Every structure is written in structure tokens, then in C-alpha cells.
């Protein structure tokens, strides 16, 4: 199913679960600090989130939604993608009433996720290499399960800002921060870890079903679920 907002977007594509859905995941792509250019379907930031949706599709019981924003930029006080994300959440709650929702966002999409986490349906937030400023508020993540993952070689967004946000948020939310050694902003090096960690953690947290197995991703997820606040992998 594809839904379209007002003229010019935003666009929301939903992939149904093979079984009756028990939860919903909204995937939020990155963007730019400032840009009024329309976001096309072949935009690199949009396409980078497709493997995360594929990884999530392995888990029965999840409806997976990918949002494409109207424009590419955050645009200062306009916070352009925030309105799009709130529209998408309204659409998902209308279509899947009473189901818990997780947000997975990369870069600017991580900032969007941390901003709209106060939506009443949201239970879980995964912020991947998020763009965070020191004045960004932690109140929206209150009562949520929050996982922040950042590569230690990221030169686009700041790993230290992510770690500081995680520390600030621990007073209001259940937070874990994972530092990915050797990985940069695009999440291409050690991509299997990025995709598997985001998908497995989200499925386990939403469906209350601890992962089974002995591989490295399962080990990290189980450590996070056990409450470790800070990990290096």
C-alpha cells in the first residue's frame, strides 16, 4: 500500500506482514540541513534504508512502513520532515489501531525519530548515526525504549553528541548506546551488523521475543536487551 499526503508528498509505503501484524515499524531516511528540493524515490538517502526494511521483513508480525519526505532538508525552525513523520504516524495509527510502533531513523531521520517519539503509539526508537544538536530535547523519548548506534569514524554527524544525548536521556527512558568500531556515516562498512542489529533489536523489543542464536549480532542485541547502557562492537 502506498499513501500520499498533500500535493507533492509525503509518500508512505507499507509492507504487510505475512501473518496478522502485531506491531508496526516506520523507517525514516536521512537528508540535508537545508534543502527545499523534492525528495525523489531514487535519492541515495531513501535507498540506503531499503536494506533495513528487507532485514525487518524476516520477522513475522511486523508491518513495515517507509516514509519519503516532501523535501530533502530539515530547514531550521521549519523542521520540514517532522510534519511528514507526524502525518505518517497518524496514517499508521488509523490503519493499525492500538498496535505498538517503532521508529528507525538514519542521520536526519534519526533526529526526526527522536523528535516525534512522543507520538502516543511509539514504544521503541532506533537512531542510526543520528544528527543531534546539544539543545535537542530528551522529553519526546520519555518512557520509550531507545537504541542509539553510531560509527566511531563518522565525520558527518557526531558520535560524541549521540553519546551525550544517550546519557541525558537515561533519566527519562530505557537507553542503550552502541559504538560501531571502524564504521562511518553511510553504514556501509560492517553493513550486516547495522542492518541486523536494527532489525533484530526492533523485532525483539516490539514483539517481546528475545532473539535466539550465537552469532555476533544476536549477542549484541541480547546485551542491549539485558540493559547494558554502553557497548563497543
C-alpha atoms as a PDB file:
ATOM      1  CA  UNK A   1       0.000   0.000   0.000  1.00  0.00           C
ATOM      2  CA  UNK A   2       1.258   3.496  -0.837  1.00  0.00           C
ATOM      3  CA  UNK A   3      -0.331   6.588   0.707  1.00  0.00           C
ATOM      4  CA  UNK A   4       0.279  10.143  -0.393  1.00  0.00           C
ATOM      5  CA  UNK A   5      -0.201  13.275   1.692  1.00  0.00           C
ATOM      6  CA  UNK A   6      -0.894  16.742   0.318  1.00  0.00           C
ATOM      7  CA  UNK A   7       0.203  17.629  -3.233  1.00  0.00           C
ATOM      8  CA  UNK A   8       3.928  16.996  -3.644  1.00  0.00           C
ATOM      9  CA  UNK A   9       4.138  14.320  -0.968  1.00  0.00           C
ATOM     10  CA  UNK A  10       4.940  12.978   1.520  1.00  0.00           C
ATOM     11  CA  UNK A  11       4.725   9.327   0.477  1.00  0.00           C
ATOM     12  CA  UNK A  12       4.261   6.297   2.710  1.00  0.00           C
ATOM     13  CA  UNK A  13       4.753   2.732   1.509  1.00  0.00           C
ATOM     14  CA  UNK A  14       3.580  -0.096   3.795  1.00  0.00           C
ATOM     15  CA  UNK A  15       4.558  -3.748   3.507  1.00  0.00           C
ATOM     16  CA  UNK A  16       2.122  -6.044   5.266  1.00  0.00           C
ATOM     17  CA  UNK A  17       3.202  -8.912   7.499  1.00  0.00           C
ATOM     18  CA  UNK A  18       2.684 -12.476   6.244  1.00  0.00           C
ATOM     19  CA  UNK A  19       0.689 -13.057   9.434  1.00  0.00           C
ATOM     20  CA  UNK A  20      -1.689 -10.652  11.186  1.00  0.00           C
ATOM     21  CA  UNK A  21       0.514  -7.753  12.296  1.00  0.00           C
ATOM     22  CA  UNK A  22       1.325  -7.344  15.970  1.00  0.00           C
ATOM     23  CA  UNK A  23       3.401  -4.184  15.594  1.00  0.00           C
ATOM     24  CA  UNK A  24       4.414  -1.503  13.082  1.00  0.00           C
ATOM     25  CA  UNK A  25       7.843  -0.123  12.139  1.00  0.00           C
ATOM     26  CA  UNK A  26       8.263   3.288  10.488  1.00  0.00           C
ATOM     27  CA  UNK A  27      11.582   3.712   8.638  1.00  0.00           C
ATOM     28  CA  UNK A  28      12.877   7.294   8.291  1.00  0.00           C
ATOM     29  CA  UNK A  29      15.639   8.224   5.838  1.00  0.00           C
ATOM     30  CA  UNK A  30      18.267  10.945   6.088  1.00  0.00           C
ATOM     31  CA  UNK A  31      18.565  14.267   4.326  1.00  0.00           C
ATOM     32  CA  UNK A  32      20.291  17.646   4.467  1.00  0.00           C
ATOM     33  CA  UNK A  33      20.445  20.513   6.935  1.00  0.00           C
ATOM     34  CA  UNK A  34      18.857  22.849   4.369  1.00  0.00           C
ATOM     35  CA  UNK A  35      17.197  21.994   1.078  1.00  0.00           C
ATOM     36  CA  UNK A  36      13.803  22.672  -0.478  1.00  0.00           C
ATOM     37  CA  UNK A  37      14.440  20.245  -3.326  1.00  0.00           C
ATOM     38  CA  UNK A  38      11.838  17.470  -3.636  1.00  0.00           C
ATOM     39  CA  UNK A  39      12.865  14.037  -2.390  1.00  0.00           C
ATOM     40  CA  UNK A  40      12.791  11.602  -5.282  1.00  0.00           C
ATOM     41  CA  UNK A  41      12.378   7.815  -4.985  1.00  0.00           C
ATOM     42  CA  UNK A  42      15.974   7.258  -6.166  1.00  0.00           C
ATOM     43  CA  UNK A  43      17.511   9.652  -3.679  1.00  0.00           C
ATOM     44  CA  UNK A  44      20.535   7.992  -2.047  1.00  0.00           C
ATOM     45  CA  UNK A  45      19.318   8.612   1.493  1.00  0.00           C
ATOM     46  CA  UNK A  46      15.986   6.973   0.645  1.00  0.00           C
ATOM     47  CA  UNK A  47      17.609   3.946  -0.975  1.00  0.00           C
ATOM     48  CA  UNK A  48      20.035   3.452   1.914  1.00  0.00           C
ATOM     49  CA  UNK A  49      17.132   2.479   4.173  1.00  0.00           C
ATOM     50  CA  UNK A  50      15.791  -0.227   1.860  1.00  0.00           C
ATOM     51  CA  UNK A  51      18.124  -2.943   3.276  1.00  0.00           C
ATOM     52  CA  UNK A  52      16.845  -2.140   6.760  1.00  0.00           C
ATOM     53  CA  UNK A  53      13.281  -2.735   5.569  1.00  0.00           C
ATOM     54  CA  UNK A  54      14.405  -6.030   3.990  1.00  0.00           C
ATOM     55  CA  UNK A  55      16.033  -7.091   7.262  1.00  0.00           C
ATOM     56  CA  UNK A  56      12.838  -6.290   9.168  1.00  0.00           C
ATOM     57  CA  UNK A  57      10.755  -8.312   6.687  1.00  0.00           C
ATOM     58  CA  UNK A  58      12.289 -11.524   8.013  1.00  0.00           C
ATOM     59  CA  UNK A  59      10.263 -11.157  11.203  1.00  0.00           C
ATOM     60  CA  UNK A  60       6.638 -12.264  11.121  1.00  0.00           C
ATOM     61  CA  UNK A  61       4.193  -9.957  12.832  1.00  0.00           C
ATOM     62  CA  UNK A  62       5.707  -6.658  11.664  1.00  0.00           C
ATOM     63  CA  UNK A  63       4.073  -4.235   9.250  1.00  0.00           C
ATOM     64  CA  UNK A  64       6.910  -2.172   7.732  1.00  0.00           C
ATOM     65  CA  UNK A  65       6.367   1.396   6.530  1.00  0.00           C
ATOM     66  CA  UNK A  66       8.888   3.529   4.633  1.00  0.00           C
ATOM     67  CA  UNK A  67       8.319   7.283   4.531  1.00  0.00           C
ATOM     68  CA  UNK A  68       9.657   9.600   1.815  1.00  0.00           C
ATOM     69  CA  UNK A  69       9.658  13.260   2.825  1.00  0.00           C
ATOM     70  CA  UNK A  70       8.387  16.099   0.662  1.00  0.00           C
ATOM     71  CA  UNK A  71      11.746  17.892   0.625  1.00  0.00           C
ATOM     72  CA  UNK A  72      15.304  16.870   1.436  1.00  0.00           C
ATOM     73  CA  UNK A  73      16.089  19.395   4.193  1.00  0.00           C
ATOM     74  CA  UNK A  74      15.411  19.885   7.896  1.00  0.00           C
ATOM     75  CA  UNK A  75      15.316  23.625   7.211  1.00  0.00           C
ATOM     76  CA  UNK A  76      15.818  25.174  10.612  1.00  0.00           C
ATOM     77  CA  UNK A  77      12.679  26.075  12.512  1.00  0.00           C
ATOM     78  CA  UNK A  78      10.526  24.654   9.732  1.00  0.00           C
ATOM     79  CA  UNK A  79      11.637  21.124  10.708  1.00  0.00           C
ATOM     80  CA  UNK A  80      10.216  20.057   7.352  1.00  0.00           C
ATOM     81  CA  UNK A  81      10.373  16.251   7.784  1.00  0.00           C
ATOM     82  CA  UNK A  82       8.807  16.365  11.251  1.00  0.00           C
ATOM     83  CA  UNK A  83       5.389  17.286   9.857  1.00  0.00           C
ATOM     84  CA  UNK A  84       5.718  14.480   7.307  1.00  0.00           C
ATOM     85  CA  UNK A  85       6.572  11.950  10.015  1.00  0.00           C
ATOM     86  CA  UNK A  86       3.638  13.022  12.178  1.00  0.00           C
ATOM     87  CA  UNK A  87       1.329  12.624   9.175  1.00  0.00           C
ATOM     88  CA  UNK A  88       2.747   9.126   8.603  1.00  0.00           C
ATOM     89  CA  UNK A  89       2.197   8.187  12.245  1.00  0.00           C
ATOM     90  CA  UNK A  90      -1.408   9.367  12.034  1.00  0.00           C
ATOM     91  CA  UNK A  91      -1.870   7.205   8.932  1.00  0.00           C
ATOM     92  CA  UNK A  92      -0.357   4.159  10.628  1.00  0.00           C
ATOM     93  CA  UNK A  93      -2.409   4.526  13.790  1.00  0.00           C
ATOM     94  CA  UNK A  94      -5.529   4.845  11.640  1.00  0.00           C
ATOM     95  CA  UNK A  95      -4.690   1.705   9.678  1.00  0.00           C
ATOM     96  CA  UNK A  96      -3.286  -0.308  12.591  1.00  0.00           C
ATOM     97  CA  UNK A  97      -5.165   0.927  15.659  1.00  0.00           C
ATOM     98  CA  UNK A  98      -3.709   0.004  19.050  1.00  0.00           C
ATOM     99  CA  UNK A  99      -0.582  -1.638  17.625  1.00  0.00           C
ATOM    100  CA  UNK A 100       2.768  -0.512  19.077  1.00  0.00           C
ATOM    101  CA  UNK A 101       5.064   1.420  16.745  1.00  0.00           C
ATOM    102  CA  UNK A 102       8.844   1.538  16.397  1.00  0.00           C
ATOM    103  CA  UNK A 103      10.817   4.245  14.630  1.00  0.00           C
ATOM    104  CA  UNK A 104      14.102   3.548  12.821  1.00  0.00           C
ATOM    105  CA  UNK A 105      15.859   6.636  11.507  1.00  0.00           C
ATOM    106  CA  UNK A 106      19.265   7.342   9.961  1.00  0.00           C
ATOM    107  CA  UNK A 107      21.104  10.673  10.173  1.00  0.00           C
ATOM    108  CA  UNK A 108      18.464  13.412   9.805  1.00  0.00           C
ATOM    109  CA  UNK A 109      15.916  10.610  10.047  1.00  0.00           C
ATOM    110  CA  UNK A 110      17.343   9.795  13.464  1.00  0.00           C
ATOM    111  CA  UNK A 111      16.708  13.367  14.528  1.00  0.00           C
ATOM    112  CA  UNK A 112      13.172  13.108  13.173  1.00  0.00           C
ATOM    113  CA  UNK A 113      12.622   9.883  15.137  1.00  0.00           C
ATOM    114  CA  UNK A 114      13.874  11.447  18.375  1.00  0.00           C
ATOM    115  CA  UNK A 115      11.563  14.437  17.805  1.00  0.00           C
ATOM    116  CA  UNK A 116       8.331  12.541  17.048  1.00  0.00           C
ATOM    117  CA  UNK A 117       8.893   9.772  19.607  1.00  0.00           C
ATOM    118  CA  UNK A 118       6.270  11.470  21.789  1.00  0.00           C
ATOM    119  CA  UNK A 119       3.547  10.143  19.495  1.00  0.00           C
ATOM    120  CA  UNK A 120       1.217   8.022  21.661  1.00  0.00           C
ATOM    121  CA  UNK A 121       1.728   4.909  19.534  1.00  0.00           C
ATOM    122  CA  UNK A 122       5.529   4.873  19.692  1.00  0.00           C
ATOM    123  CA  UNK A 123       7.194   2.380  22.037  1.00  0.00           C
ATOM    124  CA  UNK A 124      10.661   1.843  20.501  1.00  0.00           C
ATOM    125  CA  UNK A 125      13.139   4.204  18.815  1.00  0.00           C
ATOM    126  CA  UNK A 126      16.320   3.238  16.941  1.00  0.00           C
ATOM    127  CA  UNK A 127      18.518   6.189  15.930  1.00  0.00           C
ATOM    128  CA  UNK A 128      21.314   5.276  13.491  1.00  0.00           C
ATOM    129  CA  UNK A 129      24.187   7.784  13.240  1.00  0.00           C
ATOM    130  CA  UNK A 130      21.673  10.473  14.200  1.00  0.00           C
ATOM    131  CA  UNK A 131      22.135  14.191  13.664  1.00  0.00           C
ATOM    132  CA  UNK A 132      21.884  15.624  17.189  1.00  0.00           C
ATOM    133  CA  UNK A 133      22.463  19.156  18.440  1.00  0.00           C
ATOM    134  CA  UNK A 134      23.275  19.905  22.081  1.00  0.00           C
ATOM    135  CA  UNK A 135      19.976  21.767  22.524  1.00  0.00           C
ATOM    136  CA  UNK A 136      17.809  18.874  21.265  1.00  0.00           C
ATOM    137  CA  UNK A 137      15.299  17.865  23.932  1.00  0.00           C
ATOM    138  CA  UNK A 138      15.089  14.424  25.523  1.00  0.00           C
ATOM    139  CA  UNK A 139      11.458  14.784  26.629  1.00  0.00           C
ATOM    140  CA  UNK A 140       9.974  13.173  23.471  1.00  0.00           C
ATOM    141  CA  UNK A 141      11.651   9.838  24.276  1.00  0.00           C
ATOM    142  CA  UNK A 142      10.223   9.707  27.800  1.00  0.00           C
ATOM    143  CA  UNK A 143       9.122   6.161  28.627  1.00  0.00           C
ATOM    144  CA  UNK A 144      10.423   4.760  25.330  1.00  0.00           C
ATOM    145  CA  UNK A 145      12.988   2.017  24.650  1.00  0.00           C
ATOM    146  CA  UNK A 146      15.785   3.853  22.860  1.00  0.00           C
ATOM    147  CA  UNK A 147      18.777   2.438  20.995  1.00  0.00           C
ATOM    148  CA  UNK A 148      21.369   4.811  19.516  1.00  0.00           C
ATOM    149  CA  UNK A 149      24.026   3.337  17.201  1.00  0.00           C
ATOM    150  CA  UNK A 150      26.931   5.396  15.837  1.00  0.00           C
ATOM    151  CA  UNK A 151      30.122   4.582  13.939  1.00  0.00           C
ATOM    152  CA  UNK A 152      33.300   5.825  15.568  1.00  0.00           C
ATOM    153  CA  UNK A 153      34.646   7.074  12.195  1.00  0.00           C
ATOM    154  CA  UNK A 154      31.606   9.182  11.352  1.00  0.00           C
ATOM    155  CA  UNK A 155      32.603  12.640  10.078  1.00  0.00           C
ATOM    156  CA  UNK A 156      29.109  13.750   9.033  1.00  0.00           C
ATOM    157  CA  UNK A 157      27.268  13.502  12.344  1.00  0.00           C
ATOM    158  CA  UNK A 158      28.949  13.493  15.735  1.00  0.00           C
ATOM    159  CA  UNK A 159      29.271  10.248  17.741  1.00  0.00           C
ATOM    160  CA  UNK A 160      30.065  12.285  20.863  1.00  0.00           C
ATOM    161  CA  UNK A 161      26.767  14.165  20.511  1.00  0.00           C
ATOM    162  CA  UNK A 162      24.914  10.840  20.271  1.00  0.00           C
ATOM    163  CA  UNK A 163      26.654   9.501  23.372  1.00  0.00           C
ATOM    164  CA  UNK A 164      25.869  12.708  25.271  1.00  0.00           C
ATOM    165  CA  UNK A 165      22.196  12.532  24.236  1.00  0.00           C
ATOM    166  CA  UNK A 166      22.034   8.915  25.418  1.00  0.00           C
ATOM    167  CA  UNK A 167      23.463   9.947  28.783  1.00  0.00           C
ATOM    168  CA  UNK A 168      20.976  12.811  29.124  1.00  0.00           C
ATOM    169  CA  UNK A 169      18.043  10.622  28.081  1.00  0.00           C
ATOM    170  CA  UNK A 170      18.766   7.827  30.548  1.00  0.00           C
ATOM    171  CA  UNK A 171      16.857   9.725  33.233  1.00  0.00           C
ATOM    172  CA  UNK A 172      13.612   9.542  31.227  1.00  0.00           C
ATOM    173  CA  UNK A 173      13.978   6.443  29.003  1.00  0.00           C
ATOM    174  CA  UNK A 174      15.484   2.974  28.783  1.00  0.00           C
ATOM    175  CA  UNK A 175      18.574   3.783  26.693  1.00  0.00           C
ATOM    176  CA  UNK A 176      21.500   1.904  25.169  1.00  0.00           C
ATOM    177  CA  UNK A 177      24.335   3.392  23.095  1.00  0.00           C
ATOM    178  CA  UNK A 178      26.322   1.195  20.711  1.00  0.00           C
ATOM    179  CA  UNK A 179      29.569   2.400  19.137  1.00  0.00           C
ATOM    180  CA  UNK A 180      30.446   0.552  15.910  1.00  0.00           C
ATOM    181  CA  UNK A 181      34.220   0.356  15.549  1.00  0.00           C
ATOM    182  CA  UNK A 182      35.617   1.300  12.149  1.00  0.00           C
ATOM    183  CA  UNK A 183      32.292   2.379  10.646  1.00  0.00           C
ATOM    184  CA  UNK A 184      31.451   5.750   9.065  1.00  0.00           C
ATOM    185  CA  UNK A 185      28.244   7.637   8.364  1.00  0.00           C
ATOM    186  CA  UNK A 186      26.992   5.627   5.387  1.00  0.00           C
ATOM    187  CA  UNK A 187      26.952   2.415   7.474  1.00  0.00           C
ATOM    188  CA  UNK A 188      28.496   0.519   4.551  1.00  0.00           C
ATOM    189  CA  UNK A 189      31.436  -0.949   6.435  1.00  0.00           C
ATOM    190  CA  UNK A 190      30.035  -3.700   8.662  1.00  0.00           C
ATOM    191  CA  UNK A 191      26.664  -3.211   6.968  1.00  0.00           C
ATOM    192  CA  UNK A 192      25.426  -6.649   8.057  1.00  0.00           C
ATOM    193  CA  UNK A 193      25.866  -5.596  11.681  1.00  0.00           C
ATOM    194  CA  UNK A 194      23.982  -2.338  11.166  1.00  0.00           C
ATOM    195  CA  UNK A 195      21.073  -3.996   9.350  1.00  0.00           C
ATOM    196  CA  UNK A 196      20.854  -6.994  11.660  1.00  0.00           C
ATOM    197  CA  UNK A 197      21.205  -5.012  14.880  1.00  0.00           C
ATOM    198  CA  UNK A 198      18.481  -2.514  13.991  1.00  0.00           C
ATOM    199  CA  UNK A 199      16.044  -5.162  12.748  1.00  0.00           C
ATOM    200  CA  UNK A 200      16.650  -7.790  15.427  1.00  0.00           C
ATOM    201  CA  UNK A 201      16.502  -5.323  18.303  1.00  0.00           C
ATOM    202  CA  UNK A 202      13.329  -3.720  16.944  1.00  0.00           C
ATOM    203  CA  UNK A 203      11.570  -7.056  16.459  1.00  0.00           C
ATOM    204  CA  UNK A 204      12.622  -8.306  19.905  1.00  0.00           C
ATOM    205  CA  UNK A 205      11.598  -5.099  21.681  1.00  0.00           C
ATOM    206  CA  UNK A 206       8.252  -4.758  19.880  1.00  0.00           C
ATOM    207  CA  UNK A 207       7.232  -8.400  19.948  1.00  0.00           C
ATOM    208  CA  UNK A 208       8.715  -9.178  23.377  1.00  0.00           C
ATOM    209  CA  UNK A 209      10.554 -12.128  21.899  1.00  0.00           C
ATOM    210  CA  UNK A 210      14.272 -12.393  22.810  1.00  0.00           C
ATOM    211  CA  UNK A 211      16.402 -13.479  19.835  1.00  0.00           C
ATOM    212  CA  UNK A 212      17.901 -16.941  19.712  1.00  0.00           C
ATOM    213  CA  UNK A 213      21.309 -17.843  18.317  1.00  0.00           C
ATOM    214  CA  UNK A 214      25.021 -17.428  18.929  1.00  0.00           C
ATOM    215  CA  UNK A 215      26.165 -15.050  16.174  1.00  0.00           C
ATOM    216  CA  UNK A 216      27.682 -11.631  16.893  1.00  0.00           C
ATOM    217  CA  UNK A 217      24.513  -9.641  16.133  1.00  0.00           C
ATOM    218  CA  UNK A 218      22.376 -11.779  18.446  1.00  0.00           C
ATOM    219  CA  UNK A 219      24.975 -11.393  21.178  1.00  0.00           C
ATOM    220  CA  UNK A 220      24.899  -7.594  20.896  1.00  0.00           C
ATOM    221  CA  UNK A 221      21.097  -7.473  20.868  1.00  0.00           C
ATOM    222  CA  UNK A 222      20.846  -9.680  23.933  1.00  0.00           C
ATOM    223  CA  UNK A 223      23.327  -7.448  25.760  1.00  0.00           C
ATOM    224  CA  UNK A 224      21.262  -4.393  24.875  1.00  0.00           C
ATOM    225  CA  UNK A 225      18.022  -6.088  25.940  1.00  0.00           C
ATOM    226  CA  UNK A 226      19.697  -7.061  29.209  1.00  0.00           C
ATOM    227  CA  UNK A 227      20.173  -3.379  29.952  1.00  0.00           C
ATOM    228  CA  UNK A 228      23.784  -2.582  29.044  1.00  0.00           C
ATOM    229  CA  UNK A 229      23.888   1.175  28.648  1.00  0.00           C
ATOM    230  CA  UNK A 230      27.034   1.467  26.522  1.00  0.00           C
ATOM    231  CA  UNK A 231      28.714  -1.034  24.190  1.00  0.00           C
ATOM    232  CA  UNK A 232      31.562  -1.019  21.693  1.00  0.00           C
ATOM    233  CA  UNK A 233      31.289  -3.585  18.904  1.00  0.00           C
END
